[in-house]
């Protein structure tokens, strides 16, 4: 288990995190942590679209047995 720290954030940001957390089945803290990871990864990889970074991080958090296998749209002939 990792250590936790309390921080103060803007109420509007908290309310947005609460709404998104419910939609994404995360805790509010988990949602804010996810946003922080997306932001950090986006800054570290400015050549990648933020949506790609977010989707990649979300897929890495999925349990392997729940992941959808990759199926190419077209196969070389």
Protein backbone atom coordinates (compact mmCIF):
# COMPACT_ATOMS: atom_id res chain seq x y z
CA UNK A 1 0.00 0.00 0.00
CA UNK A 2 1.36 3.41 -0.89
CA UNK A 3 1.39 6.42 1.41
CA UNK A 4 -1.25 9.09 1.00
CA UNK A 5 -1.09 12.85 1.35
CA UNK A 6 -3.92 15.33 1.72
CA UNK A 7 -3.95 18.31 -0.61
CA UNK A 8 -6.24 21.24 -1.24
CA UNK A 9 -7.78 21.60 -4.68
CA UNK A 10 -10.28 23.94 -6.25
CA UNK A 11 -13.90 22.92 -5.57
CA UNK A 12 -14.74 23.03 -9.28
CA UNK A 13 -11.92 20.59 -10.06
CA UNK A 14 -13.11 18.35 -7.22
CA UNK A 15 -16.66 18.37 -8.59
CA UNK A 16 -15.39 17.51 -12.09
CA UNK A 17 -13.28 14.68 -10.67
CA UNK A 18 -16.28 13.39 -8.71
CA UNK A 19 -18.47 13.30 -11.84
CA UNK A 20 -15.77 11.70 -14.02
CA UNK A 21 -14.84 9.23 -11.28
CA UNK A 22 -18.42 7.96 -11.12
CA UNK A 23 -18.56 7.58 -14.90
CA UNK A 24 -15.19 5.79 -15.03
CA UNK A 25 -15.76 3.63 -11.92
CA UNK A 26 -12.86 5.20 -10.04
CA UNK A 27 -12.56 6.87 -6.68
CA UNK A 28 -12.23 10.64 -6.71
CA UNK A 29 -8.59 10.29 -5.67
CA UNK A 30 -8.10 7.67 -8.38
CA UNK A 31 -9.55 10.02 -10.98
CA UNK A 32 -7.24 12.86 -9.97
CA UNK A 33 -4.28 10.45 -9.97
CA UNK A 34 -5.27 9.30 -13.47
CA UNK A 35 -5.44 12.91 -14.69
CA UNK A 36 -2.02 13.56 -13.15
CA UNK A 37 -0.53 10.50 -14.89
CA UNK A 38 -2.06 11.55 -18.21
CA UNK A 39 -0.69 15.05 -17.80
CA UNK A 40 2.78 13.79 -16.89
CA UNK A 41 2.85 11.33 -19.79
CA UNK A 42 1.56 14.00 -22.20
CA UNK A 43 4.31 16.38 -21.12
CA UNK A 44 6.89 13.63 -21.49
CA UNK A 45 5.56 12.76 -24.98
CA UNK A 46 4.50 16.03 -26.64
CA UNK A 47 4.40 14.38 -30.07
CA UNK A 48 1.52 12.08 -29.04
CA UNK A 49 -2.13 13.19 -28.88
CA UNK A 50 -3.40 13.48 -25.30
CA UNK A 51 -6.32 11.18 -26.13
CA UNK A 52 -3.85 8.47 -27.20
CA UNK A 53 -1.90 8.90 -23.96
CA UNK A 54 -5.08 8.69 -21.87
CA UNK A 55 -6.38 5.62 -23.70
CA UNK A 56 -2.99 3.91 -23.42
CA UNK A 57 -2.79 4.49 -19.67
CA UNK A 58 -6.37 3.31 -19.19
CA UNK A 59 -5.73 0.14 -21.17
CA UNK A 60 -2.58 -0.58 -19.17
CA UNK A 61 -4.69 -0.48 -15.99
CA UNK A 62 -7.17 -3.07 -17.32
CA UNK A 63 -6.89 -6.59 -16.05
CA UNK A 64 -5.29 -8.69 -18.77
CA UNK A 65 -8.16 -11.17 -18.85
CA UNK A 66 -10.63 -8.32 -19.42
CA UNK A 67 -8.64 -6.70 -22.23
CA UNK A 68 -9.96 -6.81 -25.78
CA UNK A 69 -7.45 -8.51 -28.09
CA UNK A 70 -6.03 -6.43 -30.94
CA UNK A 71 -7.47 -7.37 -34.32
CA UNK A 72 -5.98 -5.60 -37.35
CA UNK A 73 -8.52 -3.93 -39.63
CA UNK A 74 -6.84 -5.28 -42.73
CA UNK A 75 -4.45 -8.15 -43.09
CA UNK A 76 -1.60 -8.19 -45.60
CA UNK A 77 -2.17 -10.64 -48.42
